[in-house]
């Protein structure tokens, strides 16, 4: 791979190194500051409530389909039972 040695490329490499260094230092600082707070923020509670509503909304059609499946199985077994008893 050919190394580009223009003024812009050199600045970009320096900026990437500086930004990476700051990100490494910042992540350590953020990890240390969250040590003893505990609990959940209101935003986290809102997100969990949203996920809960989403899961419940997916369960409604699942129960309807499961109920129709169970009723279809019992109807079929009832018809076959009547057919076998008629013979």
PDB file of N, CA and C in Angstrom:
ATOM      1  N   UNK A   1       0.843  -1.166   0.000  1.00  0.00           N
ATOM      2  CA  UNK A   1       0.000   0.000   0.000  1.00  0.00           C
ATOM      3  C   UNK A   1       0.893   1.235   0.000  1.00  0.00           C
ATOM      4  N   UNK A   2       0.594   2.128  -0.883  1.00  0.00           N
ATOM      5  CA  UNK A   2       1.418   3.316  -1.041  1.00  0.00           C
ATOM      6  C   UNK A   2       1.059   4.346   0.027  1.00  0.00           C
ATOM      7  N   UNK A   3       2.062   4.869   0.699  1.00  0.00           N
ATOM      8  CA  UNK A   3       1.847   5.846   1.754  1.00  0.00           C
ATOM      9  C   UNK A   3       1.737   7.244   1.130  1.00  0.00           C
ATOM     10  N   UNK A   4       0.651   7.916   1.423  1.00  0.00           N
ATOM     11  CA  UNK A   4       0.434   9.261   0.899  1.00  0.00           C
ATOM     12  C   UNK A   4       1.067  10.247   1.879  1.00  0.00           C
ATOM     13  N   UNK A   5       1.910  11.133   1.366  1.00  0.00           N
ATOM     14  CA  UNK A   5       2.652  12.028   2.233  1.00  0.00           C
ATOM     15  C   UNK A   5       2.336  13.491   1.904  1.00  0.00           C
ATOM     16  N   UNK A   6       1.069  13.818   1.881  1.00  0.00           N
ATOM     17  CA  UNK A   6       0.687  15.209   1.669  1.00  0.00           C
ATOM     18  C   UNK A   6       0.435  15.868   3.008  1.00  0.00           C
ATOM     19  N   UNK A   7       0.292  17.151   2.981  1.00  0.00           N
ATOM     20  CA  UNK A   7       0.066  17.900   4.220  1.00  0.00           C
ATOM     21  C   UNK A   7      -1.246  17.469   4.881  1.00  0.00           C
ATOM     22  N   UNK A   8      -2.280  17.281   4.091  1.00  0.00           N
ATOM     23  CA  UNK A   8      -3.582  16.871   4.621  1.00  0.00           C
ATOM     24  C   UNK A   8      -3.513  15.464   5.216  1.00  0.00           C
ATOM     25  N   UNK A   9      -2.816  14.571   4.547  1.00  0.00           N
ATOM     26  CA  UNK A   9      -2.704  13.204   5.048  1.00  0.00           C
ATOM     27  C   UNK A   9      -1.941  13.169   6.366  1.00  0.00           C
ATOM     28  N   UNK A  10      -0.861  13.949   6.471  1.00  0.00           N
ATOM     29  CA  UNK A  10      -0.107  13.992   7.732  1.00  0.00           C
ATOM     30  C   UNK A  10      -0.975  14.540   8.856  1.00  0.00           C
ATOM     31  N   UNK A  11      -1.747  15.577   8.559  1.00  0.00           N
ATOM     32  CA  UNK A  11      -2.643  16.147   9.571  1.00  0.00           C
ATOM     33  C   UNK A  11      -3.695  15.120   9.986  1.00  0.00           C
ATOM     34  N   UNK A  12      -4.218  14.380   9.017  1.00  0.00           N
ATOM     35  CA  UNK A  12      -5.228  13.361   9.323  1.00  0.00           C
ATOM     36  C   UNK A  12      -4.684  12.267  10.211  1.00  0.00           C
ATOM     37  N   UNK A  13      -3.437  11.834   9.951  1.00  0.00           N
ATOM     38  CA  UNK A  13      -2.834  10.802  10.794  1.00  0.00           C
ATOM     39  C   UNK A  13      -2.606  11.317  12.205  1.00  0.00           C
ATOM     40  N   UNK A  14      -2.135  12.561  12.326  1.00  0.00           N
ATOM     41  CA  UNK A  14      -1.924  13.143  13.658  1.00  0.00           C
ATOM     42  C   UNK A  14      -3.253  13.283  14.394  1.00  0.00           C
ATOM     43  N   UNK A  15      -4.276  13.729  13.684  1.00  0.00           N
ATOM     44  CA  UNK A  15      -5.591  13.893  14.311  1.00  0.00           C
ATOM     45  C   UNK A  15      -6.135  12.547  14.782  1.00  0.00           C
ATOM     46  N   UNK A  16      -5.905  11.512  14.004  1.00  0.00           N
ATOM     47  CA  UNK A  16      -6.380  10.180  14.392  1.00  0.00           C
ATOM     48  C   UNK A  16      -5.658   9.686  15.634  1.00  0.00           C
ATOM     49  N   UNK A  17      -4.371   9.921  15.715  1.00  0.00           N
ATOM     50  CA  UNK A  17      -3.608   9.501  16.888  1.00  0.00           C
ATOM     51  C   UNK A  17      -4.063  10.265  18.122  1.00  0.00           C
ATOM     52  N   UNK A  18      -4.244  11.580  17.987  1.00  0.00           N
ATOM     53  CA  UNK A  18      -4.679  12.394  19.128  1.00  0.00           C
ATOM     54  C   UNK A  18      -6.088  11.993  19.559  1.00  0.00           C
ATOM     55  N   UNK A  19      -6.994  11.816  18.593  1.00  0.00           N
ATOM     56  CA  UNK A  19      -8.372  11.435  18.934  1.00  0.00           C
ATOM     57  C   UNK A  19      -8.401  10.061  19.590  1.00  0.00           C
ATOM     58  N   UNK A  20      -7.601   9.132  19.096  1.00  0.00           N
ATOM     59  CA  UNK A  20      -7.553   7.810  19.706  1.00  0.00           C
ATOM     60  C   UNK A  20      -7.028   7.859  21.127  1.00  0.00           C
ATOM     61  N   UNK A  21      -6.023   8.706  21.354  1.00  0.00           N
ATOM     62  CA  UNK A  21      -5.485   8.845  22.711  1.00  0.00           C
ATOM     63  C   UNK A  21      -6.528   9.420  23.655  1.00  0.00           C
ATOM     64  N   UNK A  22      -7.234  10.445  23.195  1.00  0.00           N
ATOM     65  CA  UNK A  22      -8.278  11.037  24.035  1.00  0.00           C
ATOM     66  C   UNK A  22      -9.395  10.041  24.317  1.00  0.00           C
ATOM     67  N   UNK A  23      -9.769   9.243  23.335  1.00  0.00           N
ATOM     68  CA  UNK A  23     -10.819   8.250  23.553  1.00  0.00           C
ATOM     69  C   UNK A  23     -10.386   7.198  24.564  1.00  0.00           C
ATOM     70  N   UNK A  24      -9.144   6.791  24.501  1.00  0.00           N
ATOM     71  CA  UNK A  24      -8.653   5.808  25.483  1.00  0.00           C
ATOM     72  C   UNK A  24      -8.673   6.389  26.889  1.00  0.00           C
ATOM     73  N   UNK A  25      -8.238   7.619  27.029  1.00  0.00           N
ATOM     74  CA  UNK A  25      -8.233   8.252  28.347  1.00  0.00           C
ATOM     75  C   UNK A  25      -9.649   8.521  28.842  1.00  0.00           C
ATOM     76  N   UNK A  26     -10.524   8.944  27.940  1.00  0.00           N
ATOM     77  CA  UNK A  26     -11.898   9.250  28.339  1.00  0.00           C
ATOM     78  C   UNK A  26     -12.640   7.992  28.757  1.00  0.00           C
ATOM     79  N   UNK A  27     -12.422   6.887  28.063  1.00  0.00           N
ATOM     80  CA  UNK A  27     -13.129   5.664  28.437  1.00  0.00           C
ATOM     81  C   UNK A  27     -12.709   5.195  29.825  1.00  0.00           C
ATOM     82  N   UNK A  28     -11.459   5.372  30.181  1.00  0.00           N
ATOM     83  CA  UNK A  28     -11.003   5.022  31.524  1.00  0.00           C
ATOM     84  C   UNK A  28     -11.648   5.933  32.559  1.00  0.00           C
ATOM     85  N   UNK A  29     -11.753   7.197  32.239  1.00  0.00           N
ATOM     86  CA  UNK A  29     -12.361   8.143  33.171  1.00  0.00           C
ATOM     87  C   UNK A  29     -13.848   7.859  33.349  1.00  0.00           C
ATOM     88  N   UNK A  30     -14.546   7.541  32.280  1.00  0.00           N
ATOM     89  CA  UNK A  30     -15.969   7.235  32.392  1.00  0.00           C
ATOM     90  C   UNK A  30     -16.194   5.951  33.170  1.00  0.00           C
ATOM     91  N   UNK A  31     -15.342   4.979  32.985  1.00  0.00           N
ATOM     92  CA  UNK A  31     -15.480   3.731  33.716  1.00  0.00           C
ATOM     93  C   UNK A  31     -15.245   3.947  35.207  1.00  0.00           C
ATOM     94  N   UNK A  32     -14.320   4.829  35.566  1.00  0.00           N
ATOM     95  CA  UNK A  32     -14.029   5.082  36.968  1.00  0.00           C
ATOM     96  C   UNK A  32     -15.122   5.913  37.627  1.00  0.00           C
ATOM     97  N   UNK A  33     -15.775   6.786  36.889  1.00  0.00           N
ATOM     98  CA  UNK A  33     -16.766   7.664  37.505  1.00  0.00           C
ATOM     99  C   UNK A  33     -18.077   6.951  37.798  1.00  0.00           C
ATOM    100  N   UNK A  34     -18.339   5.816  37.164  1.00  0.00           N
ATOM    101  CA  UNK A  34     -19.596   5.102  37.364  1.00  0.00           C
ATOM    102  C   UNK A  34     -19.506   4.048  38.456  1.00  0.00           C
ATOM    103  N   UNK A  35     -18.465   4.069  39.243  1.00  0.00           N
ATOM    104  CA  UNK A  35     -18.221   3.007  40.201  1.00  0.00           C
ATOM    105  C   UNK A  35     -19.307   2.792  41.222  1.00  0.00           C
ATOM    106  N   UNK A  36     -19.724   3.796  41.961  1.00  0.00           N
ATOM    107  CA  UNK A  36     -20.629   3.563  43.071  1.00  0.00           C
ATOM    108  C   UNK A  36     -22.009   4.144  42.914  1.00  0.00           C
ATOM    109  N   UNK A  37     -22.397   4.575  41.743  1.00  0.00           N
ATOM    110  CA  UNK A  37     -23.700   5.231  41.606  1.00  0.00           C
ATOM    111  C   UNK A  37     -24.832   4.232  41.684  1.00  0.00           C
ATOM    112  N   UNK A  38     -24.787   3.166  40.893  1.00  0.00           N
ATOM    113  CA  UNK A  38     -25.840   2.164  40.915  1.00  0.00           C
ATOM    114  C   UNK A  38     -27.166   2.742  40.465  1.00  0.00           C
ATOM    115  N   UNK A  39     -28.196   1.941  40.469  1.00  0.00           N
ATOM    116  CA  UNK A  39     -29.517   2.393  40.074  1.00  0.00           C
ATOM    117  C   UNK A  39     -29.636   2.585  38.575  1.00  0.00           C
ATOM    118  N   UNK A  40     -30.854   2.893  38.149  1.00  0.00           N
ATOM    119  CA  UNK A  40     -31.096   3.107  36.723  1.00  0.00           C
ATOM    120  C   UNK A  40     -31.601   4.521  36.506  1.00  0.00           C
ATOM    121  N   UNK A  41     -31.184   5.096  35.420  1.00  0.00           N
ATOM    122  CA  UNK A  41     -31.619   6.445  35.081  1.00  0.00           C
ATOM    123  C   UNK A  41     -33.045   6.393  34.532  1.00  0.00           C
ATOM    124  N   UNK A  42     -33.732   7.521  34.544  1.00  0.00           N
ATOM    125  CA  UNK A  42     -35.090   7.551  33.974  1.00  0.00           C
ATOM    126  C   UNK A  42     -35.107   7.183  32.494  1.00  0.00           C
ATOM    127  N   UNK A  43     -34.042   7.533  31.775  1.00  0.00           N
ATOM    128  CA  UNK A  43     -33.980   7.182  30.365  1.00  0.00           C
ATOM    129  C   UNK A  43     -33.886   5.675  30.183  1.00  0.00           C
ATOM    130  N   UNK A  44     -33.145   5.010  31.056  1.00  0.00           N
ATOM    131  CA  UNK A  44     -33.049   3.556  30.991  1.00  0.00           C
ATOM    132  C   UNK A  44     -34.394   2.916  31.324  1.00  0.00           C
ATOM    133  N   UNK A  45     -35.087   3.452  32.278  1.00  0.00           N
ATOM    134  CA  UNK A  45     -36.415   2.936  32.624  1.00  0.00           C
ATOM    135  C   UNK A  45     -37.381   3.109  31.450  1.00  0.00           C
ATOM    136  N   UNK A  46     -37.309   4.252  30.781  1.00  0.00           N
ATOM    137  CA  UNK A  46     -38.160   4.499  29.623  1.00  0.00           C
ATOM    138  C   UNK A  46     -37.851   3.508  28.508  1.00  0.00           C
ATOM    139  N   UNK A  47     -36.570   3.248  28.280  1.00  0.00           N
ATOM    140  CA  UNK A  47     -36.178   2.282  27.253  1.00  0.00           C
ATOM    141  C   UNK A  47     -36.690   0.892  27.596  1.00  0.00           C
ATOM    142  N   UNK A  48     -36.547   0.468  28.843  1.00  0.00           N
ATOM    143  CA  UNK A  48     -37.028  -0.859  29.241  1.00  0.00           C
ATOM    144  C   UNK A  48     -38.542  -0.958  29.131  1.00  0.00           C
ATOM    145  N   UNK A  49     -39.250   0.131  29.454  1.00  0.00           N
ATOM    146  CA  UNK A  49     -40.699   0.135  29.297  1.00  0.00           C
ATOM    147  C   UNK A  49     -41.077   0.002  27.821  1.00  0.00           C
ATOM    148  N   UNK A  50     -40.354   0.697  26.949  1.00  0.00           N
ATOM    149  CA  UNK A  50     -40.612   0.595  25.517  1.00  0.00           C
ATOM    150  C   UNK A  50     -40.393  -0.823  25.023  1.00  0.00           C
ATOM    151  N   UNK A  51     -39.313  -1.449  25.457  1.00  0.00           N
ATOM    152  CA  UNK A  51     -39.038  -2.826  25.050  1.00  0.00           C
ATOM    153  C   UNK A  51     -40.124  -3.759  25.585  1.00  0.00           C
ATOM    154  N   UNK A  52     -40.578  -3.526  26.816  1.00  0.00           N
ATOM    155  CA  UNK A  52     -41.643  -4.346  27.386  1.00  0.00           C
ATOM    156  C   UNK A  52     -42.939  -4.231  26.613  1.00  0.00           C
ATOM    157  N   UNK A  53     -43.290  -3.013  26.217  1.00  0.00           N
ATOM    158  CA  UNK A  53     -44.503  -2.808  25.417  1.00  0.00           C
ATOM    159  C   UNK A  53     -44.356  -3.495  24.064  1.00  0.00           C
ATOM    160  N   UNK A  54     -43.191  -3.392  23.491  1.00  0.00           N
ATOM    161  CA  UNK A  54     -42.943  -4.038  22.199  1.00  0.00           C
ATOM    162  C   UNK A  54     -43.094  -5.548  22.306  1.00  0.00           C
ATOM    163  N   UNK A  55     -42.562  -6.136  23.358  1.00  0.00           N
ATOM    164  CA  UNK A  55     -42.680  -7.585  23.547  1.00  0.00           C
ATOM    165  C   UNK A  55     -44.135  -7.981  23.771  1.00  0.00           C
ATOM    166  N   UNK A  56     -44.860  -7.214  24.568  1.00  0.00           N
ATOM    167  CA  UNK A  56     -46.273  -7.533  24.799  1.00  0.00           C
ATOM    168  C   UNK A  56     -47.090  -7.425  23.519  1.00  0.00           C
ATOM    169  N   UNK A  57     -46.793  -6.439  22.698  1.00  0.00           N
ATOM    170  CA  UNK A  57     -47.518  -6.297  21.437  1.00  0.00           C
ATOM    171  C   UNK A  57     -47.216  -7.465  20.488  1.00  0.00           C
ATOM    172  N   UNK A  58     -46.066  -8.077  20.613  1.00  0.00           N
ATOM    173  CA  UNK A  58     -45.745  -9.248  19.801  1.00  0.00           C
ATOM    174  C   UNK A  58     -46.389 -10.511  20.366  1.00  0.00           C
ATOM    175  N   UNK A  59     -46.668 -10.521  21.665  1.00  0.00           N
ATOM    176  CA  UNK A  59     -47.273 -11.704  22.272  1.00  0.00           C
ATOM    177  C   UNK A  59     -48.748 -11.850  21.923  1.00  0.00           C
ATOM    178  N   UNK A  60     -49.450 -10.752  21.691  1.00  0.00           N
ATOM    179  CA  UNK A  60     -50.884 -10.815  21.386  1.00  0.00           C
ATOM    180  C   UNK A  60     -51.141 -11.651  20.126  1.00  0.00           C
ATOM    181  N   UNK A  61     -50.511 -11.344  18.984  1.00  0.00           N
ATOM    182  CA  UNK A  61     -50.743 -12.197  17.818  1.00  0.00           C
ATOM    183  C   UNK A  61     -50.224 -13.629  18.014  1.00  0.00           C
ATOM    184  N   UNK A  62     -49.189 -13.789  18.808  1.00  0.00           N
ATOM    185  CA  UNK A  62     -48.672 -15.131  19.055  1.00  0.00           C
ATOM    186  C   UNK A  62     -49.711 -15.980  19.782  1.00  0.00           C
ATOM    187  N   UNK A  63     -50.368 -15.406  20.772  1.00  0.00           N
ATOM    188  CA  UNK A  63     -51.400 -16.154  21.492  1.00  0.00           C
ATOM    189  C   UNK A  63     -52.597 -16.447  20.600  1.00  0.00           C
ATOM    190  N   UNK A  64     -52.963 -15.513  19.738  1.00  0.00           N
ATOM    191  CA  UNK A  64     -54.082 -15.746  18.819  1.00  0.00           C
ATOM    192  C   UNK A  64     -53.755 -16.897  17.867  1.00  0.00           C
ATOM    193  N   UNK A  65     -52.567 -16.885  17.310  1.00  0.00           N
ATOM    194  CA  UNK A  65     -52.178 -17.954  16.384  1.00  0.00           C
ATOM    195  C   UNK A  65     -52.080 -19.289  17.116  1.00  0.00           C
ATOM    196  N   UNK A  66     -51.532 -19.284  18.329  1.00  0.00           N
ATOM    197  CA  UNK A  66     -51.430 -20.520  19.096  1.00  0.00           C
ATOM    198  C   UNK A  66     -52.819 -21.064  19.437  1.00  0.00           C
ATOM    199  N   UNK A  67     -53.738 -20.163  19.791  1.00  0.00           N
ATOM    200  CA  UNK A  67     -55.105 -20.597  20.090  1.00  0.00           C
ATOM    201  C   UNK A  67     -55.793 -21.196  18.880  1.00  0.00           C
ATOM    202  N   UNK A  68     -55.603 -20.599  17.719  1.00  0.00           N
ATOM    203  CA  UNK A  68     -56.218 -21.155  16.514  1.00  0.00           C
ATOM    204  C   UNK A  68     -55.576 -22.491  16.141  1.00  0.00           C
ATOM    205  N   UNK A  69     -54.296 -22.642  16.396  1.00  0.00           N
ATOM    206  CA  UNK A  69     -53.616 -23.910  16.139  1.00  0.00           C
ATOM    207  C   UNK A  69     -54.177 -25.004  17.035  1.00  0.00           C
ATOM    208  N   UNK A  70     -54.317 -24.704  18.317  1.00  0.00           N
ATOM    209  CA  UNK A  70     -54.839 -25.702  19.259  1.00  0.00           C
ATOM    210  C   UNK A  70     -56.277 -26.067  18.910  1.00  0.00           C
ATOM    211  N   UNK A  71     -57.095 -25.059  18.568  1.00  0.00           N
ATOM    212  CA  UNK A  71     -58.485 -25.362  18.211  1.00  0.00           C
ATOM    213  C   UNK A  71     -58.562 -26.172  16.931  1.00  0.00           C
ATOM    214  N   UNK A  72     -57.693 -25.904  15.962  1.00  0.00           N
ATOM    215  CA  UNK A  72     -57.692 -26.689  14.725  1.00  0.00           C
ATOM    216  C   UNK A  72     -57.276 -28.127  14.986  1.00  0.00           C
ATOM    217  N   UNK A  73     -56.344 -28.340  15.876  1.00  0.00           N
ATOM    218  CA  UNK A  73     -55.907 -29.706  16.201  1.00  0.00           C
ATOM    219  C   UNK A  73     -57.041 -30.471  16.866  1.00  0.00           C
ATOM    220  N   UNK A  74     -57.752 -29.844  17.799  1.00  0.00           N
ATOM    221  CA  UNK A  74     -58.829 -30.545  18.475  1.00  0.00           C
ATOM    222  C   UNK A  74     -60.041 -30.743  17.582  1.00  0.00           C
ATOM    223  N   UNK A  75     -60.300 -29.831  16.670  1.00  0.00           N
ATOM    224  CA  UNK A  75     -61.401 -30.036  15.726  1.00  0.00           C
ATOM    225  C   UNK A  75     -61.095 -31.212  14.813  1.00  0.00           C
ATOM    226  N   UNK A  76     -59.886 -31.294  14.333  1.00  0.00           N
ATOM    227  CA  UNK A  76     -59.505 -32.386  13.444  1.00  0.00           C
ATOM    228  C   UNK A  76     -59.584 -33.719  14.179  1.00  0.00           C
ATOM    229  N   UNK A  77     -59.105 -33.757  15.411  1.00  0.00           N
ATOM    230  CA  UNK A  77     -59.144 -35.013  16.151  1.00  0.00           C
ATOM    231  C   UNK A  77     -60.590 -35.391  16.473  1.00  0.00           C
ATOM    232  N   UNK A  78     -61.462 -34.416  16.655  1.00  0.00           N
ATOM    233  CA  UNK A  78     -62.868 -34.704  16.909  1.00  0.00           C
ATOM    234  C   UNK A  78     -63.516 -35.278  15.645  1.00  0.00           C
ATOM    235  N   UNK A  79     -63.182 -34.714  14.468  1.00  0.00           N
ATOM    236  CA  UNK A  79     -63.739 -35.237  13.226  1.00  0.00           C
ATOM    237  C   UNK A  79     -63.253 -36.652  12.942  1.00  0.00           C
ATOM    238  N   UNK A  80     -61.980 -36.894  13.188  1.00  0.00           N
ATOM    239  CA  UNK A  80     -61.463 -38.256  12.938  1.00  0.00           C
ATOM    240  C   UNK A  80     -62.031 -39.240  13.946  1.00  0.00           C
ATOM    241  N   UNK A  81     -62.289 -38.797  15.152  1.00  0.00           N
ATOM    242  CA  UNK A  81     -62.891 -39.686  16.146  1.00  0.00           C
ATOM    243  C   UNK A  81     -64.307 -40.043  15.737  1.00  0.00           C
ATOM    244  N   UNK A  82     -65.070 -39.082  15.226  1.00  0.00           N
ATOM    245  CA  UNK A  82     -66.426 -39.357  14.766  1.00  0.00           C
ATOM    246  C   UNK A  82     -66.420 -40.292  13.540  1.00  0.00           C
ATOM    247  N   UNK A  83     -65.441 -40.082  12.660  1.00  0.00           N
ATOM    248  CA  UNK A  83     -65.348 -40.935  11.471  1.00  0.00           C
ATOM    249  C   UNK A  83     -65.007 -42.373  11.851  1.00  0.00           C
ATOM    250  N   UNK A  84     -64.136 -42.567  12.821  1.00  0.00           N
ATOM    251  CA  UNK A  84     -63.762 -43.905  13.241  1.00  0.00           C
ATOM    252  C   UNK A  84     -64.892 -44.588  14.017  1.00  0.00           C
ATOM    253  N   UNK A  85     -65.657 -43.805  14.783  1.00  0.00           N
ATOM    254  CA  UNK A  85     -66.740 -44.413  15.551  1.00  0.00           C
ATOM    255  C   UNK A  85     -67.928 -44.758  14.665  1.00  0.00           C
ATOM    256  N   UNK A  86     -68.080 -44.079  13.514  1.00  0.00           N
ATOM    257  CA  UNK A  86     -69.186 -44.348  12.601  1.00  0.00           C
ATOM    258  C   UNK A  86     -68.952 -45.647  11.843  1.00  0.00           C
ATOM    259  N   UNK A  87     -67.731 -46.081  11.682  1.00  0.00           N
ATOM    260  CA  UNK A  87     -67.430 -47.311  10.927  1.00  0.00           C
ATOM    261  C   UNK A  87     -67.817 -48.470  11.736  1.00  0.00           C
TER     262      UNK A  87
END
